[in-house]
Amino acid sequence: MEIYRLSEILGKFHDISVLKHHIVEKNYFETDEIFKYEILNMLKNEEIKLEKKLLPIAFWIFAEKPYDFVNRLEKYWYLNECKFSKYY
């Protein structure tokens, strides 16, 4: 479940990044610098909020060493195969 939450938050980060790119690089709002600044500031604040949600989840998910993580997944895979092998 936490991986899905992490995925959603990272997706929002990506959306903000793309939007900021279009605002800055594509020169949207070139005639209204104040409005452009306000939007970029609002997006930065949203990134900060997302980061506060993201970091605890990421630390929890990636707390395991890679070797231990792979071993755990292999055990899940094996248990899943055993569970369904009786039906085949």
PDB file of N, CA and C in Angstrom:
ATOM      1  N   MET A   1       0.812  -1.190   0.000  1.00  0.00           N
ATOM      2  CA  MET A   1       0.000   0.000   0.000  1.00  0.00           C
ATOM      3  C   MET A   1       0.863   1.265   0.000  1.00  0.00           C
ATOM      4  N   GLU A   2       1.944   1.245   0.775  1.00  0.00           N
ATOM      5  CA  GLU A   2       2.810   2.421   0.850  1.00  0.00           C
ATOM      6  C   GLU A   2       3.494   2.694  -0.487  1.00  0.00           C
ATOM      7  N   ILE A   3       3.776   1.643  -1.229  1.00  0.00           N
ATOM      8  CA  ILE A   3       4.409   1.837  -2.539  1.00  0.00           C
ATOM      9  C   ILE A   3       3.468   2.595  -3.458  1.00  0.00           C
ATOM     10  N   TYR A   4       2.183   2.319  -3.378  1.00  0.00           N
ATOM     11  CA  TYR A   4       1.212   3.037  -4.199  1.00  0.00           C
ATOM     12  C   TYR A   4       1.148   4.509  -3.798  1.00  0.00           C
ATOM     13  N   ARG A   5       1.193   4.775  -2.501  1.00  0.00           N
ATOM     14  CA  ARG A   5       1.201   6.169  -2.039  1.00  0.00           C
ATOM     15  C   ARG A   5       2.452   6.886  -2.535  1.00  0.00           C
ATOM     16  N   LEU A   6       3.597   6.192  -2.455  1.00  0.00           N
ATOM     17  CA  LEU A   6       4.845   6.774  -2.937  1.00  0.00           C
ATOM     18  C   LEU A   6       4.747   7.065  -4.435  1.00  0.00           C
ATOM     19  N   SER A   7       4.183   6.134  -5.175  1.00  0.00           N
ATOM     20  CA  SER A   7       4.020   6.299  -6.612  1.00  0.00           C
ATOM     21  C   SER A   7       3.140   7.506  -6.935  1.00  0.00           C
ATOM     22  N   GLU A   8       2.058   7.673  -6.208  1.00  0.00           N
ATOM     23  CA  GLU A   8       1.163   8.812  -6.426  1.00  0.00           C
ATOM     24  C   GLU A   8       1.877  10.135  -6.151  1.00  0.00           C
ATOM     25  N   ILE A   9       2.616  10.180  -5.067  1.00  0.00           N
ATOM     26  CA  ILE A   9       3.325  11.416  -4.712  1.00  0.00           C
ATOM     27  C   ILE A   9       4.398  11.728  -5.752  1.00  0.00           C
ATOM     28  N   LEU A  10       5.147  10.708  -6.183  1.00  0.00           N
ATOM     29  CA  LEU A  10       6.163  10.933  -7.205  1.00  0.00           C
ATOM     30  C   LEU A  10       5.526  11.382  -8.520  1.00  0.00           C
ATOM     31  N   GLY A  11       4.348  10.855  -8.821  1.00  0.00           N
ATOM     32  CA  GLY A  11       3.629  11.291 -10.017  1.00  0.00           C
ATOM     33  C   GLY A  11       3.260  12.763  -9.945  1.00  0.00           C
ATOM     34  N   LYS A  12       2.828  13.206  -8.761  1.00  0.00           N
ATOM     35  CA  LYS A  12       2.498  14.621  -8.584  1.00  0.00           C
ATOM     36  C   LYS A  12       3.748  15.494  -8.712  1.00  0.00           C
ATOM     37  N   PHE A  13       4.882  15.001  -8.153  1.00  0.00           N
ATOM     38  CA  PHE A  13       6.150  15.714  -8.308  1.00  0.00           C
ATOM     39  C   PHE A  13       6.490  15.880  -9.790  1.00  0.00           C
ATOM     40  N   HIS A  14       6.301  14.816 -10.553  1.00  0.00           N
ATOM     41  CA  HIS A  14       6.586  14.865 -11.984  1.00  0.00           C
ATOM     42  C   HIS A  14       5.680  15.884 -12.677  1.00  0.00           C
ATOM     43  N   ASP A  15       4.400  15.864 -12.341  1.00  0.00           N
ATOM     44  CA  ASP A  15       3.461  16.811 -12.951  1.00  0.00           C
ATOM     45  C   ASP A  15       3.879  18.251 -12.679  1.00  0.00           C
ATOM     46  N   ILE A  16       4.273  18.525 -11.440  1.00  0.00           N
ATOM     47  CA  ILE A  16       4.711  19.874 -11.080  1.00  0.00           C
ATOM     48  C   ILE A  16       5.973  20.246 -11.860  1.00  0.00           C
ATOM     49  N   SER A  17       6.885  19.307 -11.978  1.00  0.00           N
ATOM     50  CA  SER A  17       8.127  19.557 -12.711  1.00  0.00           C
ATOM     51  C   SER A  17       7.856  19.905 -14.176  1.00  0.00           C
ATOM     52  N   VAL A  18       6.970  19.155 -14.798  1.00  0.00           N
ATOM     53  CA  VAL A  18       6.623  19.420 -16.200  1.00  0.00           C
ATOM     54  C   VAL A  18       5.950  20.786 -16.320  1.00  0.00           C
ATOM     55  N   LEU A  19       5.045  21.091 -15.416  1.00  0.00           N
ATOM     56  CA  LEU A  19       4.357  22.375 -15.443  1.00  0.00           C
ATOM     57  C   LEU A  19       5.349  23.526 -15.265  1.00  0.00           C
ATOM     58  N   LYS A  20       6.279  23.388 -14.311  1.00  0.00           N
ATOM     59  CA  LYS A  20       7.289  24.426 -14.107  1.00  0.00           C
ATOM     60  C   LYS A  20       8.151  24.601 -15.352  1.00  0.00           C
ATOM     61  N   HIS A  21       8.495  23.494 -15.995  1.00  0.00           N
ATOM     62  CA  HIS A  21       9.291  23.560 -17.222  1.00  0.00           C
ATOM     63  C   HIS A  21       8.557  24.369 -18.288  1.00  0.00           C
ATOM     64  N   HIS A  22       7.282  24.096 -18.452  1.00  0.00           N
ATOM     65  CA  HIS A  22       6.506  24.816 -19.463  1.00  0.00           C
ATOM     66  C   HIS A  22       6.385  26.300 -19.120  1.00  0.00           C
ATOM     67  N   ILE A  23       6.237  26.598 -17.864  1.00  0.00           N
ATOM     68  CA  ILE A  23       6.107  28.003 -17.454  1.00  0.00           C
ATOM     69  C   ILE A  23       7.422  28.753 -17.676  1.00  0.00           C
ATOM     70  N   VAL A  24       8.535  28.135 -17.314  1.00  0.00           N
ATOM     71  CA  VAL A  24       9.829  28.813 -17.384  1.00  0.00           C
ATOM     72  C   VAL A  24      10.441  28.736 -18.787  1.00  0.00           C
ATOM     73  N   GLU A  25      10.582  27.529 -19.311  1.00  0.00           N
ATOM     74  CA  GLU A  25      11.294  27.338 -20.579  1.00  0.00           C
ATOM     75  C   GLU A  25      10.474  27.742 -21.801  1.00  0.00           C
ATOM     76  N   LYS A  26       9.203  27.533 -21.742  1.00  0.00           N
ATOM     77  CA  LYS A  26       8.347  27.844 -22.893  1.00  0.00           C
ATOM     78  C   LYS A  26       7.841  29.286 -22.839  1.00  0.00           C
ATOM     79  N   ASN A  27       8.259  29.992 -21.787  1.00  0.00           N
ATOM     80  CA  ASN A  27       7.925  31.408 -21.624  1.00  0.00           C
ATOM     81  C   ASN A  27       6.432  31.697 -21.571  1.00  0.00           C
ATOM     82  N   TYR A  28       5.671  30.815 -20.931  1.00  0.00           N
ATOM     83  CA  TYR A  28       4.274  31.134 -20.685  1.00  0.00           C
ATOM     84  C   TYR A  28       4.226  32.309 -19.725  1.00  0.00           C
ATOM     85  N   PHE A  29       3.244  33.102 -19.841  1.00  0.00           N
ATOM     86  CA  PHE A  29       3.051  34.272 -18.985  1.00  0.00           C
ATOM     87  C   PHE A  29       4.197  35.274 -19.118  1.00  0.00           C
ATOM     88  N   GLU A  30       4.817  35.355 -20.286  1.00  0.00           N
ATOM     89  CA  GLU A  30       5.961  36.262 -20.442  1.00  0.00           C
ATOM     90  C   GLU A  30       5.571  37.727 -20.245  1.00  0.00           C
ATOM     91  N   THR A  31       4.324  38.052 -20.452  1.00  0.00           N
ATOM     92  CA  THR A  31       3.899  39.443 -20.277  1.00  0.00           C
ATOM     93  C   THR A  31       3.526  39.758 -18.831  1.00  0.00           C
ATOM     94  N   ASP A  32       3.325  38.749 -18.033  1.00  0.00           N
ATOM     95  CA  ASP A  32       2.909  38.972 -16.643  1.00  0.00           C
ATOM     96  C   ASP A  32       3.877  38.257 -15.694  1.00  0.00           C
ATOM     97  N   GLU A  33       5.001  38.894 -15.421  1.00  0.00           N
ATOM     98  CA  GLU A  33       6.041  38.296 -14.576  1.00  0.00           C
ATOM     99  C   GLU A  33       5.566  38.074 -13.141  1.00  0.00           C
ATOM    100  N   ILE A  34       4.734  38.947 -12.632  1.00  0.00           N
ATOM    101  CA  ILE A  34       4.239  38.792 -11.257  1.00  0.00           C
ATOM    102  C   ILE A  34       3.381  37.536 -11.151  1.00  0.00           C
ATOM    103  N   PHE A  35       2.495  37.334 -12.118  1.00  0.00           N
ATOM    104  CA  PHE A  35       1.650  36.141 -12.127  1.00  0.00           C
ATOM    105  C   PHE A  35       2.511  34.887 -12.262  1.00  0.00           C
ATOM    106  N   LYS A  36       3.510  34.947 -13.133  1.00  0.00           N
ATOM    107  CA  LYS A  36       4.437  33.818 -13.319  1.00  0.00           C
ATOM    108  C   LYS A  36       5.144  33.491 -12.004  1.00  0.00           C
ATOM    109  N   TYR A  37       5.639  34.510 -11.314  1.00  0.00           N
ATOM    110  CA  TYR A  37       6.316  34.308 -10.038  1.00  0.00           C
ATOM    111  C   TYR A  37       5.374  33.694  -9.007  1.00  0.00           C
ATOM    112  N   GLU A  38       4.142  34.178  -8.957  1.00  0.00           N
ATOM    113  CA  GLU A  38       3.167  33.649  -7.989  1.00  0.00           C
ATOM    114  C   GLU A  38       2.863  32.173  -8.259  1.00  0.00           C
ATOM    115  N   ILE A  39       2.721  31.815  -9.509  1.00  0.00           N
ATOM    116  CA  ILE A  39       2.457  30.407  -9.847  1.00  0.00           C
ATOM    117  C   ILE A  39       3.650  29.538  -9.472  1.00  0.00           C
ATOM    118  N   LEU A  40       4.858  29.990  -9.821  1.00  0.00           N
ATOM    119  CA  LEU A  40       6.053  29.207  -9.487  1.00  0.00           C
ATOM    120  C   LEU A  40       6.214  29.071  -7.974  1.00  0.00           C
ATOM    121  N   ASN A  41       5.899  30.119  -7.238  1.00  0.00           N
ATOM    122  CA  ASN A  41       5.970  30.069  -5.782  1.00  0.00           C
ATOM    123  C   ASN A  41       4.941  29.083  -5.223  1.00  0.00           C
ATOM    124  N   MET A  42       3.740  29.096  -5.777  1.00  0.00           N
ATOM    125  CA  MET A  42       2.694  28.166  -5.353  1.00  0.00           C
ATOM    126  C   MET A  42       3.124  26.715  -5.628  1.00  0.00           C
ATOM    127  N   LEU A  43       3.728  26.489  -6.795  1.00  0.00           N
ATOM    128  CA  LEU A  43       4.201  25.139  -7.135  1.00  0.00           C
ATOM    129  C   LEU A  43       5.326  24.698  -6.199  1.00  0.00           C
ATOM    130  N   LYS A  44       6.210  25.612  -5.833  1.00  0.00           N
ATOM    131  CA  LYS A  44       7.293  25.286  -4.894  1.00  0.00           C
ATOM    132  C   LYS A  44       6.712  24.896  -3.537  1.00  0.00           C
ATOM    133  N   ASN A  45       5.709  25.626  -3.084  1.00  0.00           N
ATOM    134  CA  ASN A  45       5.061  25.290  -1.809  1.00  0.00           C
ATOM    135  C   ASN A  45       4.408  23.913  -1.872  1.00  0.00           C
ATOM    136  N   GLU A  46       3.817  23.591  -3.007  1.00  0.00           N
ATOM    137  CA  GLU A  46       3.205  22.265  -3.170  1.00  0.00           C
ATOM    138  C   GLU A  46       4.276  21.177  -3.146  1.00  0.00           C
ATOM    139  N   GLU A  47       5.425  21.446  -3.753  1.00  0.00           N
ATOM    140  CA  GLU A  47       6.536  20.481  -3.711  1.00  0.00           C
ATOM    141  C   GLU A  47       6.997  20.234  -2.274  1.00  0.00           C
ATOM    142  N   ILE A  48       7.051  21.279  -1.484  1.00  0.00           N
ATOM    143  CA  ILE A  48       7.469  21.146  -0.086  1.00  0.00           C
ATOM    144  C   ILE A  48       6.469  20.275   0.684  1.00  0.00           C
ATOM    145  N   LYS A  49       5.183  20.492   0.458  1.00  0.00           N
ATOM    146  CA  LYS A  49       4.156  19.664   1.111  1.00  0.00           C
ATOM    147  C   LYS A  49       4.290  18.199   0.700  1.00  0.00           C
ATOM    148  N   LEU A  50       4.500  17.974  -0.598  1.00  0.00           N
ATOM    149  CA  LEU A  50       4.641  16.602  -1.089  1.00  0.00           C
ATOM    150  C   LEU A  50       5.880  15.942  -0.513  1.00  0.00           C
ATOM    151  N   GLU A  51       6.957  16.704  -0.410  1.00  0.00           N
ATOM    152  CA  GLU A  51       8.201  16.153   0.137  1.00  0.00           C
ATOM    153  C   GLU A  51       8.022  15.711   1.583  1.00  0.00           C
ATOM    154  N   LYS A  52       7.258  16.480   2.353  1.00  0.00           N
ATOM    155  CA  LYS A  52       7.003  16.111   3.743  1.00  0.00           C
ATOM    156  C   LYS A  52       6.238  14.792   3.841  1.00  0.00           C
ATOM    157  N   LYS A  53       5.381  14.525   2.853  1.00  0.00           N
ATOM    158  CA  LYS A  53       4.663  13.250   2.816  1.00  0.00           C
ATOM    159  C   LYS A  53       5.547  12.132   2.274  1.00  0.00           C
ATOM    160  N   LEU A  54       6.376  12.474   1.315  1.00  0.00           N
ATOM    161  CA  LEU A  54       7.166  11.487   0.589  1.00  0.00           C
ATOM    162  C   LEU A  54       8.303  10.882   1.415  1.00  0.00           C
ATOM    163  N   LEU A  55       9.042  11.710   2.116  1.00  0.00           N
ATOM    164  CA  LEU A  55      10.258  11.235   2.783  1.00  0.00           C
ATOM    165  C   LEU A  55      10.019  10.125   3.802  1.00  0.00           C
ATOM    166  N   PRO A  56       9.035  10.246   4.704  1.00  0.00           N
ATOM    167  CA  PRO A  56       8.837   9.136   5.655  1.00  0.00           C
ATOM    168  C   PRO A  56       8.473   7.819   4.953  1.00  0.00           C
ATOM    169  N   ILE A  57       7.671   7.904   3.903  1.00  0.00           N
ATOM    170  CA  ILE A  57       7.292   6.695   3.165  1.00  0.00           C
ATOM    171  C   ILE A  57       8.508   6.094   2.483  1.00  0.00           C
ATOM    172  N   ALA A  58       9.295   6.942   1.830  1.00  0.00           N
ATOM    173  CA  ALA A  58      10.481   6.463   1.113  1.00  0.00           C
ATOM    174  C   ALA A  58      11.488   5.837   2.076  1.00  0.00           C
ATOM    175  N   PHE A  59      11.706   6.484   3.218  1.00  0.00           N
ATOM    176  CA  PHE A  59      12.646   5.921   4.197  1.00  0.00           C
ATOM    177  C   PHE A  59      12.164   4.568   4.698  1.00  0.00           C
ATOM    178  N   TRP A  60      10.851   4.443   4.892  1.00  0.00           N
ATOM    179  CA  TRP A  60      10.304   3.174   5.363  1.00  0.00           C
ATOM    180  C   TRP A  60      10.472   2.091   4.298  1.00  0.00           C
ATOM    181  N   ILE A  61      10.147   2.420   3.054  1.00  0.00           N
ATOM    182  CA  ILE A  61      10.222   1.433   1.976  1.00  0.00           C
ATOM    183  C   ILE A  61      11.659   1.006   1.703  1.00  0.00           C
ATOM    184  N   PHE A  62      12.566   1.970   1.707  1.00  0.00           N
ATOM    185  CA  PHE A  62      13.950   1.678   1.330  1.00  0.00           C
ATOM    186  C   PHE A  62      14.869   1.483   2.526  1.00  0.00           C
ATOM    187  N   ALA A  63      14.312   1.210   3.692  1.00  0.00           N
ATOM    188  CA  ALA A  63      15.129   1.005   4.885  1.00  0.00           C
ATOM    189  C   ALA A  63      15.944  -0.280   4.799  1.00  0.00           C
ATOM    190  N   GLU A  64      15.405  -1.259   4.115  1.00  0.00           N
ATOM    191  CA  GLU A  64      16.096  -2.538   3.968  1.00  0.00           C
ATOM    192  C   GLU A  64      17.288  -2.422   3.033  1.00  0.00           C
ATOM    193  N   LYS A  65      18.296  -3.205   3.309  1.00  0.00           N
ATOM    194  CA  LYS A  65      19.428  -3.289   2.388  1.00  0.00           C
ATOM    195  C   LYS A  65      18.954  -4.014   1.132  1.00  0.00           C
ATOM    196  N   PRO A  66      19.507  -3.677  -0.032  1.00  0.00           N
ATOM    197  CA  PRO A  66      19.047  -4.296  -1.282  1.00  0.00           C
ATOM    198  C   PRO A  66      19.046  -5.819  -1.250  1.00  0.00           C
ATOM    199  N   TYR A  67      20.101  -6.421  -0.680  1.00  0.00           N
ATOM    200  CA  TYR A  67      20.179  -7.883  -0.623  1.00  0.00           C
ATOM    201  C   TYR A  67      19.019  -8.459   0.194  1.00  0.00           C
ATOM    202  N   ASP A  68      18.724  -7.838   1.331  1.00  0.00           N
ATOM    203  CA  ASP A  68      17.624  -8.297   2.181  1.00  0.00           C
ATOM    204  C   ASP A  68      16.272  -8.110   1.483  1.00  0.00           C
ATOM    205  N   PHE A  69      16.138  -7.010   0.781  1.00  0.00           N
ATOM    206  CA  PHE A  69      14.905  -6.737   0.047  1.00  0.00           C
ATOM    207  C   PHE A  69      14.661  -7.808  -1.021  1.00  0.00           C
ATOM    208  N   VAL A  70      15.686  -8.122  -1.781  1.00  0.00           N
ATOM    209  CA  VAL A  70      15.570  -9.144  -2.831  1.00  0.00           C
ATOM    210  C   VAL A  70      15.244 -10.494  -2.215  1.00  0.00           C
ATOM    211  N   ASN A  71      15.893 -10.851  -1.130  1.00  0.00           N
ATOM    212  CA  ASN A  71      15.599 -12.124  -0.463  1.00  0.00           C
ATOM    213  C   ASN A  71      14.156 -12.203   0.009  1.00  0.00           C
ATOM    214  N   ARG A  72      13.664 -11.108   0.550  1.00  0.00           N
ATOM    215  CA  ARG A  72      12.278 -11.094   1.011  1.00  0.00           C
ATOM    216  C   ARG A  72      11.316 -11.279  -0.168  1.00  0.00           C
ATOM    217  N   LEU A  73      11.580 -10.586  -1.273  1.00  0.00           N
ATOM    218  CA  LEU A  73      10.724 -10.737  -2.449  1.00  0.00           C
ATOM    219  C   LEU A  73      10.776 -12.156  -3.013  1.00  0.00           C
ATOM    220  N   GLU A  74      11.960 -12.755  -2.985  1.00  0.00           N
ATOM    221  CA  GLU A  74      12.076 -14.148  -3.443  1.00  0.00           C
ATOM    222  C   GLU A  74      11.223 -15.066  -2.585  1.00  0.00           C
ATOM    223  N   LYS A  75      11.195 -14.853  -1.291  1.00  0.00           N
ATOM    224  CA  LYS A  75      10.364 -15.671  -0.401  1.00  0.00           C
ATOM    225  C   LYS A  75       8.887 -15.493  -0.728  1.00  0.00           C
ATOM    226  N   TYR A  76       8.475 -14.246  -0.959  1.00  0.00           N
ATOM    227  CA  TYR A  76       7.076 -14.003  -1.338  1.00  0.00           C
ATOM    228  C   TYR A  76       6.752 -14.721  -2.643  1.00  0.00           C
ATOM    229  N   TRP A  77       7.673 -14.641  -3.588  1.00  0.00           N
ATOM    230  CA  TRP A  77       7.466 -15.280  -4.891  1.00  0.00           C
ATOM    231  C   TRP A  77       7.318 -16.789  -4.724  1.00  0.00           C
ATOM    232  N   TYR A  78       8.187 -17.357  -3.914  1.00  0.00           N
ATOM    233  CA  TYR A  78       8.155 -18.799  -3.677  1.00  0.00           C
ATOM    234  C   TYR A  78       6.836 -19.199  -3.003  1.00  0.00           C
ATOM    235  N   LEU A  79       6.431 -18.449  -1.981  1.00  0.00           N
ATOM    236  CA  LEU A  79       5.174 -18.753  -1.292  1.00  0.00           C
ATOM    237  C   LEU A  79       3.987 -18.637  -2.238  1.00  0.00           C
ATOM    238  N   ASN A  80       4.017 -17.664  -3.108  1.00  0.00           N
ATOM    239  CA  ASN A  80       2.945 -17.484  -4.070  1.00  0.00           C
ATOM    240  C   ASN A  80       2.901 -18.663  -5.044  1.00  0.00           C
ATOM    241  N   GLU A  81       4.068 -19.102  -5.517  1.00  0.00           N
ATOM    242  CA  GLU A  81       4.111 -20.255  -6.424  1.00  0.00           C
ATOM    243  C   GLU A  81       3.591 -21.512  -5.740  1.00  0.00           C
ATOM    244  N   CYS A  82       3.957 -21.715  -4.499  1.00  0.00           N
ATOM    245  CA  CYS A  82       3.484 -22.902  -3.758  1.00  0.00           C
ATOM    246  C   CYS A  82       1.975 -22.851  -3.582  1.00  0.00           C
ATOM    247  N   LYS A  83       1.463 -21.682  -3.328  1.00  0.00           N
ATOM    248  CA  LYS A  83       0.033 -21.509  -3.098  1.00  0.00           C
ATOM    249  C   LYS A  83      -0.778 -21.866  -4.336  1.00  0.00           C
ATOM    250  N   PHE A  84      -0.281 -21.469  -5.504  1.00  0.00           N
ATOM    251  CA  PHE A  84      -1.030 -21.676  -6.742  1.00  0.00           C
ATOM    252  C   PHE A  84      -0.623 -22.947  -7.480  1.00  0.00           C
ATOM    253  N   SER A  85       0.477 -23.570  -7.096  1.00  0.00           N
ATOM    254  CA  SER A  85       0.943 -24.756  -7.833  1.00  0.00           C
ATOM    255  C   SER A  85      -0.022 -25.938  -7.643  1.00  0.00           C
ATOM    256  N   LYS A  86      -0.747 -25.976  -6.542  1.00  0.00           N
ATOM    257  CA  LYS A  86      -1.679 -27.092  -6.327  1.00  0.00           C
ATOM    258  C   LYS A  86      -2.857 -27.039  -7.305  1.00  0.00           C
ATOM    259  N   TYR A  87      -3.079 -25.876  -7.930  1.00  0.00           N
ATOM    260  CA  TYR A  87      -4.183 -25.754  -8.887  1.00  0.00           C
ATOM    261  C   TYR A  87      -3.779 -26.085 -10.311  1.00  0.00           C
ATOM    262  N   TYR A  88      -2.488 -26.237 -10.554  1.00  0.00           N
ATOM    263  CA  TYR A  88      -2.024 -26.491 -11.923  1.00  0.00           C
ATOM    264  C   TYR A  88      -1.485 -27.892 -12.090  1.00  0.00           C
TER     265      TYR A  88
END
